[in-house]
Amino acid sequence: MRLQNTIEKQNETKKLLQENLKVSKAILKITEKTRRYIFWSQVASWFKLFLIVVPIILAVLYLPSLIGKWQAQIQDIFPFGSVQQFQGASGLLDQLQK
């Protein structure tokens, strides 16, 4: 009787271990998918940040020289001086009277 009880417990333990192994393998597959998803999400996040930051840095570096060139061209076209000197119609009338 005792031997039969021990064999039954071993069979039950073996069955539980096999079921545990199946569940562990399923969990491992899900974990790997989740890990890959998180990795590619981080890569996409860095890529988005790169797409935002690089144009801003380039703008800070190159826009001042471009604006200076454009400002010179605009002053050649409209010889009113700076924007602060030209203040609407009253500023234009003052300049015409001089």
PDB file of N, CA and C in Angstrom:
ATOM      1  N   MET A   1       0.831  -1.195   0.000  1.00  0.00           N
ATOM      2  CA  MET A   1       0.000   0.000   0.000  1.00  0.00           C
ATOM      3  C   MET A   1       0.873   1.256   0.000  1.00  0.00           C
ATOM      4  N   ARG A   2       1.892   1.218   0.815  1.00  0.00           N
ATOM      5  CA  ARG A   2       2.754   2.374   0.910  1.00  0.00           C
ATOM      6  C   ARG A   2       3.559   2.564  -0.377  1.00  0.00           C
ATOM      7  N   LEU A   3       3.972   1.503  -1.001  1.00  0.00           N
ATOM      8  CA  LEU A   3       4.711   1.554  -2.245  1.00  0.00           C
ATOM      9  C   LEU A   3       3.845   2.116  -3.364  1.00  0.00           C
ATOM     10  N   GLN A   4       2.594   1.683  -3.385  1.00  0.00           N
ATOM     11  CA  GLN A   4       1.657   2.163  -4.404  1.00  0.00           C
ATOM     12  C   GLN A   4       1.407   3.668  -4.216  1.00  0.00           C
ATOM     13  N   ASN A   5       1.281   4.121  -2.990  1.00  0.00           N
ATOM     14  CA  ASN A   5       1.070   5.538  -2.681  1.00  0.00           C
ATOM     15  C   ASN A   5       2.280   6.365  -3.125  1.00  0.00           C
ATOM     16  N   THR A   6       3.473   5.852  -2.919  1.00  0.00           N
ATOM     17  CA  THR A   6       4.690   6.541  -3.321  1.00  0.00           C
ATOM     18  C   THR A   6       4.774   6.631  -4.846  1.00  0.00           C
ATOM     19  N   ILE A   7       4.422   5.568  -5.539  1.00  0.00           N
ATOM     20  CA  ILE A   7       4.433   5.562  -7.008  1.00  0.00           C
ATOM     21  C   ILE A   7       3.416   6.559  -7.541  1.00  0.00           C
ATOM     22  N   GLU A   8       2.232   6.620  -6.949  1.00  0.00           N
ATOM     23  CA  GLU A   8       1.204   7.576  -7.366  1.00  0.00           C
ATOM     24  C   GLU A   8       1.695   9.017  -7.176  1.00  0.00           C
ATOM     25  N   LYS A   9       2.361   9.265  -6.057  1.00  0.00           N
ATOM     26  CA  LYS A   9       2.894  10.609  -5.800  1.00  0.00           C
ATOM     27  C   LYS A   9       3.982  10.964  -6.804  1.00  0.00           C
ATOM     28  N   GLN A  10       4.815   9.999  -7.148  1.00  0.00           N
ATOM     29  CA  GLN A  10       5.853  10.252  -8.146  1.00  0.00           C
ATOM     30  C   GLN A  10       5.231  10.536  -9.510  1.00  0.00           C
ATOM     31  N   ASN A  11       4.209   9.775  -9.876  1.00  0.00           N
ATOM     32  CA  ASN A  11       3.527  10.008 -11.150  1.00  0.00           C
ATOM     33  C   ASN A  11       2.844  11.377 -11.167  1.00  0.00           C
ATOM     34  N   GLU A  12       2.230  11.716 -10.058  1.00  0.00           N
ATOM     35  CA  GLU A  12       1.571  13.027  -9.962  1.00  0.00           C
ATOM     36  C   GLU A  12       2.599  14.156 -10.026  1.00  0.00           C
ATOM     37  N   THR A  13       3.730  13.957  -9.354  1.00  0.00           N
ATOM     38  CA  THR A  13       4.796  14.954  -9.382  1.00  0.00           C
ATOM     39  C   THR A  13       5.349  15.092 -10.791  1.00  0.00           C
ATOM     40  N   LYS A  14       5.544  13.962 -11.452  1.00  0.00           N
ATOM     41  CA  LYS A  14       6.044  13.985 -12.829  1.00  0.00           C
ATOM     42  C   LYS A  14       5.064  14.715 -13.743  1.00  0.00           C
ATOM     43  N   LYS A  15       3.786  14.460 -13.576  1.00  0.00           N
ATOM     44  CA  LYS A  15       2.744  15.111 -14.373  1.00  0.00           C
ATOM     45  C   LYS A  15       2.743  16.627 -14.114  1.00  0.00           C
ATOM     46  N   LEU A  16       2.839  17.003 -12.853  1.00  0.00           N
ATOM     47  CA  LEU A  16       2.863  18.423 -12.499  1.00  0.00           C
ATOM     48  C   LEU A  16       4.121  19.110 -13.055  1.00  0.00           C
ATOM     49  N   LEU A  17       5.244  18.428 -13.028  1.00  0.00           N
ATOM     50  CA  LEU A  17       6.474  18.999 -13.576  1.00  0.00           C
ATOM     51  C   LEU A  17       6.364  19.197 -15.087  1.00  0.00           C
ATOM     52  N   GLN A  18       5.759  18.242 -15.785  1.00  0.00           N
ATOM     53  CA  GLN A  18       5.574  18.382 -17.234  1.00  0.00           C
ATOM     54  C   GLN A  18       4.634  19.544 -17.549  1.00  0.00           C
ATOM     55  N   GLU A  19       3.570  19.678 -16.768  1.00  0.00           N
ATOM     56  CA  GLU A  19       2.640  20.799 -16.969  1.00  0.00           C
ATOM     57  C   GLU A  19       3.338  22.126 -16.662  1.00  0.00           C
ATOM     58  N   ASN A  20       4.138  22.125 -15.607  1.00  0.00           N
ATOM     59  CA  ASN A  20       4.894  23.323 -15.245  1.00  0.00           C
ATOM     60  C   ASN A  20       5.874  23.699 -16.355  1.00  0.00           C
ATOM     61  N   LEU A  21       6.506  22.704 -16.966  1.00  0.00           N
ATOM     62  CA  LEU A  21       7.430  22.949 -18.063  1.00  0.00           C
ATOM     63  C   LEU A  21       6.714  23.563 -19.266  1.00  0.00           C
ATOM     64  N   LYS A  22       5.526  23.063 -19.589  1.00  0.00           N
ATOM     65  CA  LYS A  22       4.743  23.618 -20.709  1.00  0.00           C
ATOM     66  C   LYS A  22       4.376  25.075 -20.434  1.00  0.00           C
ATOM     67  N   VAL A  23       3.922  25.340 -19.228  1.00  0.00           N
ATOM     68  CA  VAL A  23       3.535  26.711 -18.866  1.00  0.00           C
ATOM     69  C   VAL A  23       4.755  27.623 -18.876  1.00  0.00           C
ATOM     70  N   SER A  24       5.878  27.130 -18.397  1.00  0.00           N
ATOM     71  CA  SER A  24       7.106  27.936 -18.382  1.00  0.00           C
ATOM     72  C   SER A  24       7.567  28.264 -19.798  1.00  0.00           C
ATOM     73  N   LYS A  25       7.453  27.312 -20.714  1.00  0.00           N
ATOM     74  CA  LYS A  25       7.816  27.576 -22.108  1.00  0.00           C
ATOM     75  C   LYS A  25       6.895  28.617 -22.731  1.00  0.00           C
ATOM     76  N   ALA A  26       5.595  28.543 -22.428  1.00  0.00           N
ATOM     77  CA  ALA A  26       4.653  29.542 -22.946  1.00  0.00           C
ATOM     78  C   ALA A  26       4.982  30.926 -22.390  1.00  0.00           C
ATOM     79  N   ILE A  27       5.299  30.986 -21.114  1.00  0.00           N
ATOM     80  CA  ILE A  27       5.665  32.264 -20.493  1.00  0.00           C
ATOM     81  C   ILE A  27       6.948  32.800 -21.121  1.00  0.00           C
ATOM     82  N   LEU A  28       7.906  31.923 -21.406  1.00  0.00           N
ATOM     83  CA  LEU A  28       9.151  32.346 -22.031  1.00  0.00           C
ATOM     84  C   LEU A  28       8.901  32.950 -23.415  1.00  0.00           C
ATOM     85  N   LYS A  29       8.021  32.341 -24.205  1.00  0.00           N
ATOM     86  CA  LYS A  29       7.691  32.887 -25.525  1.00  0.00           C
ATOM     87  C   LYS A  29       7.080  34.274 -25.398  1.00  0.00           C
ATOM     88  N   ILE A  30       6.149  34.426 -24.481  1.00  0.00           N
ATOM     89  CA  ILE A  30       5.493  35.728 -24.284  1.00  0.00           C
ATOM     90  C   ILE A  30       6.508  36.759 -23.798  1.00  0.00           C
ATOM     91  N   THR A  31       7.401  36.354 -22.905  1.00  0.00           N
ATOM     92  CA  THR A  31       8.422  37.262 -22.393  1.00  0.00           C
ATOM     93  C   THR A  31       9.355  37.721 -23.502  1.00  0.00           C
ATOM     94  N   GLU A  32       9.750  36.809 -24.377  1.00  0.00           N
ATOM     95  CA  GLU A  32      10.624  37.177 -25.495  1.00  0.00           C
ATOM     96  C   GLU A  32       9.933  38.167 -26.438  1.00  0.00           C
ATOM     97  N   LYS A  33       8.663  37.939 -26.717  1.00  0.00           N
ATOM     98  CA  LYS A  33       7.915  38.871 -27.567  1.00  0.00           C
ATOM     99  C   LYS A  33       7.835  40.246 -26.911  1.00  0.00           C
ATOM    100  N   THR A  34       7.579  40.254 -25.622  1.00  0.00           N
ATOM    101  CA  THR A  34       7.487  41.523 -24.894  1.00  0.00           C
ATOM    102  C   THR A  34       8.831  42.242 -24.893  1.00  0.00           C
ATOM    103  N   ARG A  35       9.907  41.489 -24.695  1.00  0.00           N
ATOM    104  CA  ARG A  35      11.243  42.079 -24.689  1.00  0.00           C
ATOM    105  C   ARG A  35      11.580  42.695 -26.041  1.00  0.00           C
ATOM    106  N   ARG A  36      11.244  41.994 -27.125  1.00  0.00           N
ATOM    107  CA  ARG A  36      11.485  42.548 -28.468  1.00  0.00           C
ATOM    108  C   ARG A  36      10.644  43.791 -28.715  1.00  0.00           C
ATOM    109  N   TYR A  37       9.378  43.749 -28.262  1.00  0.00           N
ATOM    110  CA  TYR A  37       8.502  44.906 -28.428  1.00  0.00           C
ATOM    111  C   TYR A  37       9.071  46.120 -27.695  1.00  0.00           C
ATOM    112  N   ILE A  38       9.532  45.927 -26.479  1.00  0.00           N
ATOM    113  CA  ILE A  38      10.103  47.034 -25.710  1.00  0.00           C
ATOM    114  C   ILE A  38      11.373  47.551 -26.379  1.00  0.00           C
ATOM    115  N   PHE A  39      12.214  46.649 -26.881  1.00  0.00           N
ATOM    116  CA  PHE A  39      13.443  47.064 -27.560  1.00  0.00           C
ATOM    117  C   PHE A  39      13.126  47.934 -28.774  1.00  0.00           C
ATOM    118  N   TRP A  40      12.205  47.473 -29.624  1.00  0.00           N
ATOM    119  CA  TRP A  40      11.894  48.240 -30.835  1.00  0.00           C
ATOM    120  C   TRP A  40      11.144  49.531 -30.499  1.00  0.00           C
ATOM    121  N   SER A  41      10.408  49.533 -29.403  1.00  0.00           N
ATOM    122  CA  SER A  41       9.778  50.785 -28.966  1.00  0.00           C
ATOM    123  C   SER A  41      10.839  51.801 -28.558  1.00  0.00           C
ATOM    124  N   GLN A  42      11.874  51.346 -27.881  1.00  0.00           N
ATOM    125  CA  GLN A  42      12.957  52.243 -27.498  1.00  0.00           C
ATOM    126  C   GLN A  42      13.708  52.746 -28.724  1.00  0.00           C
ATOM    127  N   VAL A  43      13.936  51.875 -29.693  1.00  0.00           N
ATOM    128  CA  VAL A  43      14.613  52.297 -30.921  1.00  0.00           C
ATOM    129  C   VAL A  43      13.763  53.357 -31.634  1.00  0.00           C
ATOM    130  N   ALA A  44      12.464  53.117 -31.732  1.00  0.00           N
ATOM    131  CA  ALA A  44      11.575  54.088 -32.385  1.00  0.00           C
ATOM    132  C   ALA A  44      11.545  55.406 -31.610  1.00  0.00           C
ATOM    133  N   SER A  45      11.578  55.323 -30.297  1.00  0.00           N
ATOM    134  CA  SER A  45      11.584  56.538 -29.476  1.00  0.00           C
ATOM    135  C   SER A  45      12.850  57.365 -29.730  1.00  0.00           C
ATOM    136  N   TRP A  46      14.008  56.700 -29.787  1.00  0.00           N
ATOM    137  CA  TRP A  46      15.253  57.410 -30.083  1.00  0.00           C
ATOM    138  C   TRP A  46      15.226  57.996 -31.491  1.00  0.00           C
ATOM    139  N   PHE A  47      14.647  57.276 -32.429  1.00  0.00           N
ATOM    140  CA  PHE A  47      14.555  57.758 -33.802  1.00  0.00           C
ATOM    141  C   PHE A  47      13.682  59.010 -33.877  1.00  0.00           C
ATOM    142  N   LYS A  48      12.548  58.982 -33.171  1.00  0.00           N
ATOM    143  CA  LYS A  48      11.673  60.169 -33.144  1.00  0.00           C
ATOM    144  C   LYS A  48      12.398  61.359 -32.517  1.00  0.00           C
ATOM    145  N   LEU A  49      13.100  61.110 -31.422  1.00  0.00           N
ATOM    146  CA  LEU A  49      13.857  62.179 -30.774  1.00  0.00           C
ATOM    147  C   LEU A  49      14.908  62.738 -31.725  1.00  0.00           C
ATOM    148  N   PHE A  50      15.575  61.857 -32.445  1.00  0.00           N
ATOM    149  CA  PHE A  50      16.573  62.257 -33.429  1.00  0.00           C
ATOM    150  C   PHE A  50      15.936  63.115 -34.518  1.00  0.00           C
ATOM    151  N   LEU A  51      14.741  62.731 -34.981  1.00  0.00           N
ATOM    152  CA  LEU A  51      14.053  63.498 -36.014  1.00  0.00           C
ATOM    153  C   LEU A  51      13.617  64.878 -35.525  1.00  0.00           C
ATOM    154  N   ILE A  52      13.449  65.038 -34.243  1.00  0.00           N
ATOM    155  CA  ILE A  52      13.036  66.331 -33.698  1.00  0.00           C
ATOM    156  C   ILE A  52      14.255  67.198 -33.368  1.00  0.00           C
ATOM    157  N   VAL A  53      15.260  66.613 -32.735  1.00  0.00           N
ATOM    158  CA  VAL A  53      16.393  67.385 -32.230  1.00  0.00           C
ATOM    159  C   VAL A  53      17.342  67.831 -33.341  1.00  0.00           C
ATOM    160  N   VAL A  54      17.613  66.971 -34.302  1.00  0.00           N
ATOM    161  CA  VAL A  54      18.577  67.317 -35.358  1.00  0.00           C
ATOM    162  C   VAL A  54      18.129  68.543 -36.156  1.00  0.00           C
ATOM    163  N   PRO A  55      16.867  68.631 -36.613  1.00  0.00           N
ATOM    164  CA  PRO A  55      16.478  69.858 -37.320  1.00  0.00           C
ATOM    165  C   PRO A  55      16.573  71.119 -36.454  1.00  0.00           C
ATOM    166  N   ILE A  56      16.294  70.982 -35.165  1.00  0.00           N
ATOM    167  CA  ILE A  56      16.404  72.148 -34.279  1.00  0.00           C
ATOM    168  C   ILE A  56      17.865  72.587 -34.182  1.00  0.00           C
ATOM    169  N   ILE A  57      18.772  71.641 -34.026  1.00  0.00           N
ATOM    170  CA  ILE A  57      20.204  71.983 -33.945  1.00  0.00           C
ATOM    171  C   ILE A  57      20.666  72.616 -35.252  1.00  0.00           C
ATOM    172  N   LEU A  58      20.249  72.038 -36.378  1.00  0.00           N
ATOM    173  CA  LEU A  58      20.629  72.606 -37.672  1.00  0.00           C
ATOM    174  C   LEU A  58      20.057  74.013 -37.849  1.00  0.00           C
ATOM    175  N   ALA A  59      18.840  74.222 -37.373  1.00  0.00           N
ATOM    176  CA  ALA A  59      18.239  75.555 -37.469  1.00  0.00           C
ATOM    177  C   ALA A  59      19.020  76.563 -36.637  1.00  0.00           C
ATOM    178  N   VAL A  60      19.416  76.163 -35.449  1.00  0.00           N
ATOM    179  CA  VAL A  60      20.185  77.072 -34.590  1.00  0.00           C
ATOM    180  C   VAL A  60      21.520  77.409 -35.236  1.00  0.00           C
ATOM    181  N   LEU A  61      22.114  76.459 -35.925  1.00  0.00           N
ATOM    182  CA  LEU A  61      23.419  76.699 -36.533  1.00  0.00           C
ATOM    183  C   LEU A  61      23.347  77.511 -37.824  1.00  0.00           C
ATOM    184  N   TYR A  62      22.359  77.241 -38.669  1.00  0.00           N
ATOM    185  CA  TYR A  62      22.349  77.824 -40.009  1.00  0.00           C
ATOM    186  C   TYR A  62      21.365  78.973 -40.207  1.00  0.00           C
ATOM    187  N   LEU A  63      20.319  79.061 -39.411  1.00  0.00           N
ATOM    188  CA  LEU A  63      19.334  80.118 -39.629  1.00  0.00           C
ATOM    189  C   LEU A  63      19.864  81.528 -39.402  1.00  0.00           C
ATOM    190  N   PRO A  64      20.706  81.790 -38.423  1.00  0.00           N
ATOM    191  CA  PRO A  64      21.165  83.176 -38.258  1.00  0.00           C
ATOM    192  C   PRO A  64      21.859  83.730 -39.508  1.00  0.00           C
ATOM    193  N   SER A  65      22.685  82.934 -40.153  1.00  0.00           N
ATOM    194  CA  SER A  65      23.346  83.435 -41.365  1.00  0.00           C
ATOM    195  C   SER A  65      22.335  83.616 -42.496  1.00  0.00           C
ATOM    196  N   LEU A  66      21.370  82.698 -42.610  1.00  0.00           N
ATOM    197  CA  LEU A  66      20.347  82.842 -43.648  1.00  0.00           C
ATOM    198  C   LEU A  66      19.457  84.053 -43.401  1.00  0.00           C
ATOM    199  N   ILE A  67      19.103  84.258 -42.142  1.00  0.00           N
ATOM    200  CA  ILE A  67      18.257  85.420 -41.819  1.00  0.00           C
ATOM    201  C   ILE A  67      19.015  86.704 -42.096  1.00  0.00           C
ATOM    202  N   GLY A  68      20.299  86.724 -41.813  1.00  0.00           N
ATOM    203  CA  GLY A  68      21.100  87.919 -42.111  1.00  0.00           C
ATOM    204  C   GLY A  68      21.121  88.215 -43.599  1.00  0.00           C
ATOM    205  N   LYS A  69      21.274  87.177 -44.421  1.00  0.00           N
ATOM    206  CA  LYS A  69      21.252  87.372 -45.870  1.00  0.00           C
ATOM    207  C   LYS A  69      19.879  87.859 -46.332  1.00  0.00           C
ATOM    208  N   TRP A  70      18.829  87.249 -45.805  1.00  0.00           N
ATOM    209  CA  TRP A  70      17.476  87.657 -46.203  1.00  0.00           C
ATOM    210  C   TRP A  70      17.180  89.080 -45.747  1.00  0.00           C
ATOM    211  N   GLN A  71      17.645  89.422 -44.562  1.00  0.00           N
ATOM    212  CA  GLN A  71      17.414  90.770 -44.057  1.00  0.00           C
ATOM    213  C   GLN A  71      18.113  91.793 -44.947  1.00  0.00           C
ATOM    214  N   ALA A  72      19.304  91.474 -45.408  1.00  0.00           N
ATOM    215  CA  ALA A  72      20.017  92.387 -46.306  1.00  0.00           C
ATOM    216  C   ALA A  72      19.266  92.530 -47.624  1.00  0.00           C
ATOM    217  N   GLN A  73      18.723  91.453 -48.139  1.00  0.00           N
ATOM    218  CA  GLN A  73      17.960  91.518 -49.388  1.00  0.00           C
ATOM    219  C   GLN A  73      16.678  92.323 -49.203  1.00  0.00           C
ATOM    220  N   ILE A  74      16.026  92.125 -48.080  1.00  0.00           N
ATOM    221  CA  ILE A  74      14.776  92.859 -47.823  1.00  0.00           C
ATOM    222  C   ILE A  74      15.076  94.344 -47.653  1.00  0.00           C
ATOM    223  N   GLN A  75      16.169  94.693 -47.005  1.00  0.00           N
ATOM    224  CA  GLN A  75      16.512  96.102 -46.844  1.00  0.00           C
ATOM    225  C   GLN A  75      16.881  96.731 -48.180  1.00  0.00           C
ATOM    226  N   ASP A  76      17.432  95.951 -49.094  1.00  0.00           N
ATOM    227  CA  ASP A  76      17.702  96.463 -50.430  1.00  0.00           C
ATOM    228  C   ASP A  76      16.395  96.741 -51.177  1.00  0.00           C
ATOM    229  N   ILE A  77      15.411  95.894 -50.972  1.00  0.00           N
ATOM    230  CA  ILE A  77      14.121  96.064 -51.659  1.00  0.00           C
ATOM    231  C   ILE A  77      13.329  97.197 -51.023  1.00  0.00           C
ATOM    232  N   PHE A  78      13.259  97.218 -49.695  1.00  0.00           N
ATOM    233  CA  PHE A  78      12.502  98.244 -48.972  1.00  0.00           C
ATOM    234  C   PHE A  78      13.474  99.098 -48.162  1.00  0.00           C
ATOM    235  N   PRO A  79      13.921 100.215 -48.673  1.00  0.00           N
ATOM    236  CA  PRO A  79      14.956 101.004 -47.974  1.00  0.00           C
ATOM    237  C   PRO A  79      14.394 101.905 -46.881  1.00  0.00           C
ATOM    238  N   PHE A  80      13.584 101.355 -45.982  1.00  0.00           N
ATOM    239  CA  PHE A  80      13.023 102.152 -44.896  1.00  0.00           C
ATOM    240  C   PHE A  80      13.872 102.086 -43.644  1.00  0.00           C
ATOM    241  N   GLY A  81      14.926 101.333 -43.656  1.00  0.00           N
ATOM    242  CA  GLY A  81      15.727 101.167 -42.453  1.00  0.00           C
ATOM    243  C   GLY A  81      15.200  99.985 -41.666  1.00  0.00           C
ATOM    244  N   SER A  82      15.439 100.017 -40.396  1.00  0.00           N
ATOM    245  CA  SER A  82      15.012  98.883 -39.569  1.00  0.00           C
ATOM    246  C   SER A  82      13.520  98.965 -39.295  1.00  0.00           C
ATOM    247  N   VAL A  83      12.992  97.908 -38.781  1.00  0.00           N
ATOM    248  CA  VAL A  83      11.558  97.823 -38.484  1.00  0.00           C
ATOM    249  C   VAL A  83      11.191  98.809 -37.388  1.00  0.00           C
ATOM    250  N   GLN A  84      12.100  99.068 -36.463  1.00  0.00           N
ATOM    251  CA  GLN A  84      11.803  99.984 -35.371  1.00  0.00           C
ATOM    252  C   GLN A  84      11.670 101.420 -35.885  1.00  0.00           C
ATOM    253  N   GLN A  85      12.392 101.763 -36.937  1.00  0.00           N
ATOM    254  CA  GLN A  85      12.280 103.110 -37.491  1.00  0.00           C
ATOM    255  C   GLN A  85      10.971 103.276 -38.252  1.00  0.00           C
ATOM    256  N   PHE A  86      10.533 102.212 -38.879  1.00  0.00           N
ATOM    257  CA  PHE A  86       9.292 102.286 -39.662  1.00  0.00           C
ATOM    258  C   PHE A  86       8.149 101.775 -38.806  1.00  0.00           C
ATOM    259  N   GLN A  87       7.336 102.685 -38.298  1.00  0.00           N
ATOM    260  CA  GLN A  87       6.244 102.303 -37.405  1.00  0.00           C
ATOM    261  C   GLN A  87       4.923 102.759 -38.008  1.00  0.00           C
ATOM    262  N   GLY A  88       4.452 102.029 -38.982  1.00  0.00           N
ATOM    263  CA  GLY A  88       3.152 102.305 -39.570  1.00  0.00           C
ATOM    264  C   GLY A  88       3.170 103.536 -40.455  1.00  0.00           C
ATOM    265  N   ALA A  89       1.996 104.085 -40.702  1.00  0.00           N
ATOM    266  CA  ALA A  89       1.828 105.214 -41.617  1.00  0.00           C
ATOM    267  C   ALA A  89       2.441 106.489 -41.052  1.00  0.00           C
ATOM    268  N   SER A  90       2.391 106.700 -39.752  1.00  0.00           N
ATOM    269  CA  SER A  90       2.954 107.933 -39.189  1.00  0.00           C
ATOM    270  C   SER A  90       4.480 107.936 -39.375  1.00  0.00           C
ATOM    271  N   GLY A  91       5.117 106.806 -39.243  1.00  0.00           N
ATOM    272  CA  GLY A  91       6.546 106.729 -39.474  1.00  0.00           C
ATOM    273  C   GLY A  91       6.889 107.025 -40.924  1.00  0.00           C
ATOM    274  N   LEU A  92       6.071 106.556 -41.851  1.00  0.00           N
ATOM    275  CA  LEU A  92       6.280 106.802 -43.284  1.00  0.00           C
ATOM    276  C   LEU A  92       6.106 108.280 -43.578  1.00  0.00           C
ATOM    277  N   LEU A  93       5.076 108.909 -43.000  1.00  0.00           N
ATOM    278  CA  LEU A  93       4.879 110.335 -43.225  1.00  0.00           C
ATOM    279  C   LEU A  93       6.042 111.152 -42.665  1.00  0.00           C
ATOM    280  N   ASP A  94       6.538 110.764 -41.498  1.00  0.00           N
ATOM    281  CA  ASP A  94       7.683 111.471 -40.931  1.00  0.00           C
ATOM    282  C   ASP A  94       8.912 111.362 -41.830  1.00  0.00           C
ATOM    283  N   GLN A  95       9.106 110.202 -42.417  1.00  0.00           N
ATOM    284  CA  GLN A  95      10.251 110.022 -43.299  1.00  0.00           C
ATOM    285  C   GLN A  95      10.084 110.823 -44.595  1.00  0.00           C
ATOM    286  N   LEU A  96       8.856 110.900 -45.105  1.00  0.00           N
ATOM    287  CA  LEU A  96       8.619 111.673 -46.342  1.00  0.00           C
ATOM    288  C   LEU A  96       8.773 113.166 -46.110  1.00  0.00           C
ATOM    289  N   GLN A  97       8.438 113.664 -44.920  1.00  0.00           N
ATOM    290  CA  GLN A  97       8.563 115.068 -44.625  1.00  0.00           C
ATOM    291  C   GLN A  97      10.009 115.493 -44.458  1.00  0.00           C
ATOM    292  N   LYS A  98      10.889 114.600 -44.136  1.00  0.00           N
ATOM    293  CA  LYS A  98      12.303 114.935 -43.945  1.00  0.00           C
ATOM    294  C   LYS A  98      12.947 115.075 -45.238  1.00  0.00           C
TER     295      LYS A  98
END
